[in-house]
Amino acid sequence: MRPVDLLAFVFAGLAALPAIAQTPPPAPVPQRRPTNLPGVSPQGNAILTKLDSQGDPQYAQLKHQQTGLKDQLSNAIMVPTIDVDRVAGIMRQMDVVQGAMRTRASERVLAALKALPEADRGPFLRAIAKQVGPAAN
């Protein structure tokens, strides 16, 4: 076999091989936007950004439980005959999880409040109150 034929054979073989799968570069970790609450100083916003970036594993676990309970409730109500006791039990569990989620959220707000300088505490709480909206009667 001539060298030219050998090269043609090798290139033909390479062309027939499936393309080598390149692993895509890892997706960039989404960076949280810096907190920028109106009326809060740059130092206070930096503190809030740092606290927010730490996350809350317990809250994430509760959120996961809530999703599972919602799925269970959805399955429980999609059957022809509704098991009222089962639905009631799931709803009670959802109440407990939602209460725990509210408690965790309140604890995070209080931790942030304690970490902020005195001058930023009022604007911080007012910004949160504005985001939450008026209390339901």
N, C-alpha and C. Protein backbone atom coordinates (compact mmCIF):
# COMPACT_ATOMS: atom_id res chain seq x y z
N MET A 1 0.85 -1.16 0.00
CA MET A 1 0.00 0.00 0.00
C MET A 1 0.90 1.23 0.00
N ARG A 2 0.58 2.15 -0.85
CA ARG A 2 1.37 3.37 -0.95
C ARG A 2 1.07 4.28 0.24
N PRO A 3 2.02 5.15 0.63
CA PRO A 3 1.80 6.05 1.75
C PRO A 3 0.58 6.94 1.55
N VAL A 4 0.34 7.36 0.31
CA VAL A 4 -0.82 8.23 0.05
C VAL A 4 -2.10 7.44 0.28
N ASP A 5 -2.14 6.18 -0.17
CA ASP A 5 -3.32 5.35 0.04
C ASP A 5 -3.53 5.07 1.53
N LEU A 6 -2.42 4.88 2.23
CA LEU A 6 -2.52 4.62 3.66
C LEU A 6 -3.11 5.83 4.39
N LEU A 7 -2.65 7.03 4.01
CA LEU A 7 -3.20 8.24 4.62
C LEU A 7 -4.67 8.41 4.29
N ALA A 8 -5.04 8.13 3.05
CA ALA A 8 -6.44 8.23 2.65
C ALA A 8 -7.29 7.25 3.44
N PHE A 9 -6.75 6.04 3.63
CA PHE A 9 -7.47 5.02 4.39
C PHE A 9 -7.67 5.48 5.85
N VAL A 10 -6.61 6.02 6.45
CA VAL A 10 -6.69 6.49 7.84
C VAL A 10 -7.69 7.63 7.95
N PHE A 11 -7.62 8.59 7.03
CA PHE A 11 -8.55 9.72 7.09
C PHE A 11 -9.99 9.28 6.86
N ALA A 12 -10.18 8.31 5.97
CA ALA A 12 -11.53 7.79 5.73
C ALA A 12 -12.05 7.10 6.98
N GLY A 13 -11.18 6.37 7.65
CA GLY A 13 -11.58 5.70 8.89
C GLY A 13 -11.92 6.70 9.97
N LEU A 14 -11.12 7.75 10.05
CA LEU A 14 -11.40 8.78 11.05
C LEU A 14 -12.70 9.50 10.76
N ALA A 15 -12.97 9.73 9.49
CA ALA A 15 -14.20 10.41 9.12
C ALA A 15 -15.42 9.55 9.46
N ALA A 16 -15.25 8.25 9.42
CA ALA A 16 -16.36 7.36 9.71
C ALA A 16 -16.64 7.23 11.20
N LEU A 17 -15.68 7.55 12.02
CA LEU A 17 -15.89 7.46 13.46
C LEU A 17 -16.85 8.55 13.92
N PRO A 18 -17.66 8.24 14.90
CA PRO A 18 -18.53 9.30 15.41
C PRO A 18 -17.68 10.39 16.06
N ALA A 19 -18.20 11.57 16.01
CA ALA A 19 -17.47 12.70 16.59
C ALA A 19 -17.26 12.44 18.08
N ILE A 20 -16.10 12.78 18.54
CA ILE A 20 -15.79 12.61 19.95
C ILE A 20 -16.60 13.64 20.73
N ALA A 21 -17.33 13.12 21.67
CA ALA A 21 -18.16 14.02 22.48
C ALA A 21 -17.26 14.84 23.39
N GLN A 22 -17.36 16.11 23.22
CA GLN A 22 -16.60 16.99 24.08
C GLN A 22 -17.47 17.33 25.28
N THR A 23 -16.89 17.25 26.42
CA THR A 23 -17.66 17.62 27.60
C THR A 23 -17.76 19.13 27.62
N PRO A 24 -18.98 19.61 27.75
CA PRO A 24 -19.13 21.06 27.78
C PRO A 24 -18.50 21.61 29.05
N PRO A 25 -18.07 22.84 28.97
CA PRO A 25 -17.49 23.43 30.18
C PRO A 25 -18.55 23.49 31.26
N PRO A 26 -18.15 23.42 32.51
CA PRO A 26 -19.16 23.46 33.57
C PRO A 26 -19.94 24.76 33.51
N ALA A 27 -21.22 24.62 33.77
CA ALA A 27 -22.08 25.81 33.74
C ALA A 27 -21.61 26.76 34.83
N PRO A 28 -21.58 28.03 34.51
CA PRO A 28 -21.16 28.98 35.53
C PRO A 28 -22.15 28.99 36.68
N VAL A 29 -21.63 29.11 37.86
CA VAL A 29 -22.49 29.19 39.04
C VAL A 29 -23.21 30.52 38.98
N PRO A 30 -24.54 30.47 39.01
CA PRO A 30 -25.24 31.75 38.93
C PRO A 30 -24.89 32.61 40.15
N GLN A 31 -24.44 33.79 39.84
CA GLN A 31 -24.08 34.68 40.94
C GLN A 31 -25.31 35.47 41.33
N ARG A 32 -25.49 35.55 42.61
CA ARG A 32 -26.62 36.31 43.09
C ARG A 32 -26.32 37.79 42.90
N ARG A 33 -27.37 38.48 42.54
CA ARG A 33 -27.20 39.92 42.41
C ARG A 33 -26.95 40.50 43.79
N PRO A 34 -26.09 41.47 43.86
CA PRO A 34 -25.88 42.10 45.16
C PRO A 34 -27.19 42.71 45.65
N THR A 35 -27.39 42.62 46.93
CA THR A 35 -28.58 43.22 47.52
C THR A 35 -28.45 44.73 47.44
N ASN A 36 -29.52 45.37 47.04
CA ASN A 36 -29.51 46.83 46.94
C ASN A 36 -30.87 47.35 47.39
N LEU A 37 -31.08 47.33 48.69
CA LEU A 37 -32.34 47.82 49.22
C LEU A 37 -32.28 49.33 49.37
N PRO A 38 -33.34 50.01 48.95
CA PRO A 38 -33.35 51.47 49.07
C PRO A 38 -33.27 51.90 50.53
N GLY A 39 -32.43 52.89 50.78
CA GLY A 39 -32.28 53.43 52.12
C GLY A 39 -31.25 52.71 52.97
N VAL A 40 -30.79 51.55 52.52
CA VAL A 40 -29.78 50.79 53.25
C VAL A 40 -28.41 51.21 52.71
N SER A 41 -27.47 51.44 53.60
CA SER A 41 -26.14 51.89 53.20
C SER A 41 -25.43 50.81 52.38
N PRO A 42 -24.40 51.21 51.62
CA PRO A 42 -23.62 50.21 50.88
C PRO A 42 -23.04 49.13 51.81
N GLN A 43 -22.61 49.54 53.00
CA GLN A 43 -22.08 48.56 53.97
C GLN A 43 -23.19 47.59 54.38
N GLY A 44 -24.37 48.11 54.63
CA GLY A 44 -25.50 47.26 55.02
C GLY A 44 -25.91 46.32 53.90
N ASN A 45 -25.93 46.83 52.66
CA ASN A 45 -26.27 45.98 51.52
C ASN A 45 -25.22 44.88 51.32
N ALA A 46 -23.96 45.20 51.60
CA ALA A 46 -22.90 44.18 51.49
C ALA A 46 -23.12 43.09 52.54
N ILE A 47 -23.52 43.48 53.73
CA ILE A 47 -23.81 42.49 54.78
C ILE A 47 -24.98 41.60 54.35
N LEU A 48 -26.02 42.22 53.81
CA LEU A 48 -27.19 41.45 53.38
C LEU A 48 -26.84 40.51 52.23
N THR A 49 -26.01 40.97 51.30
CA THR A 49 -25.59 40.11 50.19
C THR A 49 -24.82 38.91 50.71
N LYS A 50 -23.93 39.15 51.67
CA LYS A 50 -23.15 38.05 52.24
C LYS A 50 -24.06 37.04 52.94
N LEU A 51 -25.00 37.53 53.74
CA LEU A 51 -25.92 36.63 54.43
C LEU A 51 -26.78 35.85 53.44
N ASP A 52 -27.23 36.53 52.40
CA ASP A 52 -28.08 35.87 51.40
C ASP A 52 -27.32 34.79 50.65
N SER A 53 -26.04 35.03 50.41
CA SER A 53 -25.25 34.06 49.65
C SER A 53 -24.96 32.79 50.45
N GLN A 54 -25.10 32.86 51.76
CA GLN A 54 -24.84 31.69 52.60
C GLN A 54 -25.94 30.64 52.48
N GLY A 55 -27.12 31.05 52.08
CA GLY A 55 -28.21 30.10 51.94
C GLY A 55 -28.66 29.55 53.29
N ASP A 56 -29.64 28.67 53.24
CA ASP A 56 -30.18 28.05 54.45
C ASP A 56 -30.55 26.61 54.12
N PRO A 57 -29.67 25.66 54.46
CA PRO A 57 -29.94 24.26 54.13
C PRO A 57 -31.23 23.73 54.75
N GLN A 58 -31.56 24.20 55.95
CA GLN A 58 -32.80 23.74 56.58
C GLN A 58 -34.01 24.21 55.80
N TYR A 59 -33.96 25.45 55.32
CA TYR A 59 -35.08 25.98 54.53
C TYR A 59 -35.20 25.20 53.22
N ALA A 60 -34.06 24.89 52.61
CA ALA A 60 -34.09 24.12 51.37
C ALA A 60 -34.69 22.73 51.61
N GLN A 61 -34.37 22.12 52.74
CA GLN A 61 -34.93 20.81 53.07
C GLN A 61 -36.44 20.92 53.28
N LEU A 62 -36.88 21.97 53.95
CA LEU A 62 -38.31 22.17 54.15
C LEU A 62 -39.02 22.40 52.82
N LYS A 63 -38.38 23.14 51.94
CA LYS A 63 -38.95 23.40 50.61
C LYS A 63 -39.11 22.08 49.85
N HIS A 64 -38.12 21.20 49.99
CA HIS A 64 -38.18 19.88 49.35
C HIS A 64 -39.34 19.06 49.93
N GLN A 65 -39.50 19.11 51.25
CA GLN A 65 -40.62 18.41 51.89
C GLN A 65 -41.95 18.96 51.40
N GLN A 66 -42.03 20.28 51.27
CA GLN A 66 -43.26 20.91 50.80
C GLN A 66 -43.61 20.43 49.40
N THR A 67 -42.61 20.35 48.54
CA THR A 67 -42.84 19.88 47.18
C THR A 67 -43.34 18.44 47.19
N GLY A 68 -42.75 17.60 48.02
CA GLY A 68 -43.19 16.21 48.13
C GLY A 68 -44.63 16.11 48.62
N LEU A 69 -44.98 16.94 49.59
CA LEU A 69 -46.35 16.92 50.11
C LEU A 69 -47.34 17.42 49.06
N LYS A 70 -46.95 18.41 48.29
CA LYS A 70 -47.83 18.89 47.21
C LYS A 70 -48.07 17.78 46.19
N ASP A 71 -47.02 17.03 45.88
CA ASP A 71 -47.16 15.90 44.96
C ASP A 71 -48.10 14.85 45.55
N GLN A 72 -47.93 14.55 46.83
CA GLN A 72 -48.80 13.58 47.49
C GLN A 72 -50.25 14.04 47.46
N LEU A 73 -50.47 15.32 47.73
CA LEU A 73 -51.83 15.85 47.73
C LEU A 73 -52.43 15.78 46.32
N SER A 74 -51.63 16.13 45.34
CA SER A 74 -52.09 16.05 43.96
C SER A 74 -52.50 14.63 43.60
N ASN A 75 -51.68 13.65 43.99
CA ASN A 75 -52.01 12.25 43.73
C ASN A 75 -53.26 11.82 44.49
N ALA A 76 -53.41 12.32 45.71
CA ALA A 76 -54.55 11.92 46.54
C ALA A 76 -55.87 12.45 46.01
N ILE A 77 -55.84 13.56 45.30
CA ILE A 77 -57.11 14.13 44.81
C ILE A 77 -57.40 13.77 43.36
N MET A 78 -56.48 13.06 42.71
CA MET A 78 -56.69 12.70 41.31
C MET A 78 -57.31 11.31 41.15
N VAL A 79 -57.74 10.71 42.23
CA VAL A 79 -58.34 9.38 42.16
C VAL A 79 -59.86 9.54 42.20
N PRO A 80 -60.58 8.55 41.67
CA PRO A 80 -62.05 8.65 41.64
C PRO A 80 -62.67 8.75 43.05
N THR A 81 -62.12 8.01 44.00
CA THR A 81 -62.65 8.03 45.36
C THR A 81 -61.62 8.71 46.27
N ILE A 82 -62.02 9.81 46.84
CA ILE A 82 -61.12 10.60 47.68
C ILE A 82 -61.09 10.01 49.09
N ASP A 83 -59.90 9.75 49.58
CA ASP A 83 -59.70 9.30 50.96
C ASP A 83 -59.53 10.56 51.81
N VAL A 84 -60.61 10.96 52.46
CA VAL A 84 -60.63 12.22 53.20
C VAL A 84 -59.58 12.22 54.31
N ASP A 85 -59.42 11.10 55.00
CA ASP A 85 -58.43 11.05 56.08
C ASP A 85 -57.02 11.24 55.55
N ARG A 86 -56.74 10.65 54.39
CA ARG A 86 -55.41 10.81 53.79
C ARG A 86 -55.17 12.27 53.39
N VAL A 87 -56.17 12.88 52.75
CA VAL A 87 -56.05 14.29 52.34
C VAL A 87 -55.87 15.17 53.57
N ALA A 88 -56.63 14.91 54.62
CA ALA A 88 -56.52 15.71 55.85
C ALA A 88 -55.13 15.57 56.46
N GLY A 89 -54.60 14.35 56.48
CA GLY A 89 -53.26 14.14 57.02
C GLY A 89 -52.19 14.88 56.24
N ILE A 90 -52.30 14.85 54.92
CA ILE A 90 -51.34 15.56 54.08
C ILE A 90 -51.44 17.06 54.32
N MET A 91 -52.67 17.56 54.42
CA MET A 91 -52.86 19.00 54.64
C MET A 91 -52.29 19.43 55.99
N ARG A 92 -52.45 18.58 57.01
CA ARG A 92 -51.88 18.90 58.32
C ARG A 92 -50.35 18.93 58.25
N GLN A 93 -49.79 17.96 57.54
CA GLN A 93 -48.33 17.95 57.37
C GLN A 93 -47.86 19.20 56.64
N MET A 94 -48.63 19.63 55.63
CA MET A 94 -48.27 20.84 54.89
C MET A 94 -48.29 22.06 55.81
N ASP A 95 -49.29 22.11 56.70
CA ASP A 95 -49.35 23.22 57.66
C ASP A 95 -48.11 23.27 58.54
N VAL A 96 -47.67 22.11 59.00
CA VAL A 96 -46.48 22.04 59.86
C VAL A 96 -45.24 22.52 59.10
N VAL A 97 -45.09 22.04 57.87
CA VAL A 97 -43.92 22.42 57.06
C VAL A 97 -43.96 23.91 56.74
N GLN A 98 -45.13 24.43 56.37
CA GLN A 98 -45.23 25.86 56.07
C GLN A 98 -44.93 26.70 57.30
N GLY A 99 -45.38 26.25 58.47
CA GLY A 99 -45.06 26.96 59.70
C GLY A 99 -43.56 26.97 59.97
N ALA A 100 -42.92 25.83 59.74
CA ALA A 100 -41.46 25.75 59.93
C ALA A 100 -40.74 26.65 58.93
N MET A 101 -41.26 26.74 57.71
CA MET A 101 -40.65 27.62 56.70
C MET A 101 -40.77 29.08 57.11
N ARG A 102 -41.93 29.45 57.63
CA ARG A 102 -42.11 30.84 58.10
C ARG A 102 -41.16 31.14 59.25
N THR A 103 -41.01 30.17 60.15
CA THR A 103 -40.10 30.36 61.29
C THR A 103 -38.67 30.55 60.80
N ARG A 104 -38.23 29.72 59.85
CA ARG A 104 -36.86 29.84 59.31
C ARG A 104 -36.68 31.21 58.64
N ALA A 105 -37.69 31.64 57.88
CA ALA A 105 -37.59 32.94 57.21
C ALA A 105 -37.50 34.06 58.24
N SER A 106 -38.29 33.97 59.30
CA SER A 106 -38.24 34.99 60.35
C SER A 106 -36.89 34.99 61.05
N GLU A 107 -36.33 33.82 61.28
CA GLU A 107 -35.01 33.74 61.92
C GLU A 107 -33.94 34.38 61.05
N ARG A 108 -34.05 34.21 59.75
CA ARG A 108 -33.07 34.83 58.84
C ARG A 108 -33.20 36.35 58.86
N VAL A 109 -34.43 36.83 58.90
CA VAL A 109 -34.64 38.28 58.97
C VAL A 109 -34.05 38.83 60.26
N LEU A 110 -34.29 38.14 61.36
CA LEU A 110 -33.75 38.60 62.65
C LEU A 110 -32.23 38.55 62.67
N ALA A 111 -31.64 37.52 62.07
CA ALA A 111 -30.17 37.43 62.00
C ALA A 111 -29.61 38.59 61.18
N ALA A 112 -30.28 38.91 60.08
CA ALA A 112 -29.83 40.03 59.25
C ALA A 112 -29.98 41.34 60.02
N LEU A 113 -31.09 41.47 60.72
CA LEU A 113 -31.34 42.69 61.50
C LEU A 113 -30.24 42.90 62.54
N LYS A 114 -29.85 41.84 63.21
CA LYS A 114 -28.79 41.94 64.22
C LYS A 114 -27.43 42.27 63.60
N ALA A 115 -27.20 41.79 62.37
CA ALA A 115 -25.91 42.01 61.72
C ALA A 115 -25.78 43.42 61.14
N LEU A 116 -26.91 44.07 60.88
CA LEU A 116 -26.88 45.40 60.25
C LEU A 116 -26.53 46.49 61.25
N PRO A 117 -25.90 47.56 60.76
CA PRO A 117 -25.70 48.73 61.61
C PRO A 117 -27.06 49.33 61.98
N GLU A 118 -27.12 49.98 63.10
CA GLU A 118 -28.37 50.55 63.61
C GLU A 118 -29.08 51.40 62.55
N ALA A 119 -28.34 52.22 61.82
CA ALA A 119 -28.96 53.12 60.85
C ALA A 119 -29.63 52.38 59.70
N ASP A 120 -29.25 51.15 59.43
CA ASP A 120 -29.82 50.38 58.32
C ASP A 120 -31.00 49.51 58.73
N ARG A 121 -31.23 49.36 60.00
CA ARG A 121 -32.27 48.43 60.45
C ARG A 121 -33.68 48.87 60.05
N GLY A 122 -33.98 50.14 60.22
CA GLY A 122 -35.30 50.66 59.84
C GLY A 122 -35.55 50.52 58.35
N PRO A 123 -34.65 51.04 57.49
CA PRO A 123 -34.86 50.88 56.05
C PRO A 123 -34.97 49.41 55.62
N PHE A 124 -34.19 48.54 56.26
CA PHE A 124 -34.25 47.11 55.94
C PHE A 124 -35.65 46.56 56.23
N LEU A 125 -36.16 46.83 57.43
CA LEU A 125 -37.48 46.32 57.80
C LEU A 125 -38.58 46.93 56.94
N ARG A 126 -38.46 48.22 56.62
CA ARG A 126 -39.47 48.85 55.76
C ARG A 126 -39.45 48.25 54.36
N ALA A 127 -38.26 47.94 53.85
CA ALA A 127 -38.16 47.32 52.52
C ALA A 127 -38.80 45.93 52.53
N ILE A 128 -38.59 45.18 53.59
CA ILE A 128 -39.21 43.85 53.69
C ILE A 128 -40.73 43.99 53.79
N ALA A 129 -41.20 44.93 54.61
CA ALA A 129 -42.64 45.13 54.77
C ALA A 129 -43.27 45.52 53.43
N LYS A 130 -42.55 46.31 52.65
CA LYS A 130 -43.07 46.72 51.35
C LYS A 130 -43.14 45.53 50.39
N GLN A 131 -42.15 44.63 50.45
CA GLN A 131 -42.15 43.45 49.58
C GLN A 131 -43.26 42.49 49.96
N VAL A 132 -43.52 42.35 51.25
CA VAL A 132 -44.54 41.41 51.72
C VAL A 132 -45.93 41.96 51.44
N GLY A 133 -46.10 43.24 51.59
CA GLY A 133 -47.40 43.86 51.35
C GLY A 133 -48.21 43.93 52.63
N PRO A 134 -49.42 44.49 52.52
CA PRO A 134 -50.24 44.64 53.72
C PRO A 134 -50.69 43.28 54.25
N ALA A 135 -50.88 43.23 55.55
CA ALA A 135 -51.33 41.99 56.18
C ALA A 135 -52.77 41.71 55.80
N ALA A 136 -53.06 40.44 55.58
CA ALA A 136 -54.43 40.04 55.24
C ALA A 136 -55.27 40.01 56.51
N ASN A 137 -56.49 40.43 56.39
CA ASN A 137 -57.40 40.41 57.55
C ASN A 137 -58.15 39.13 57.62
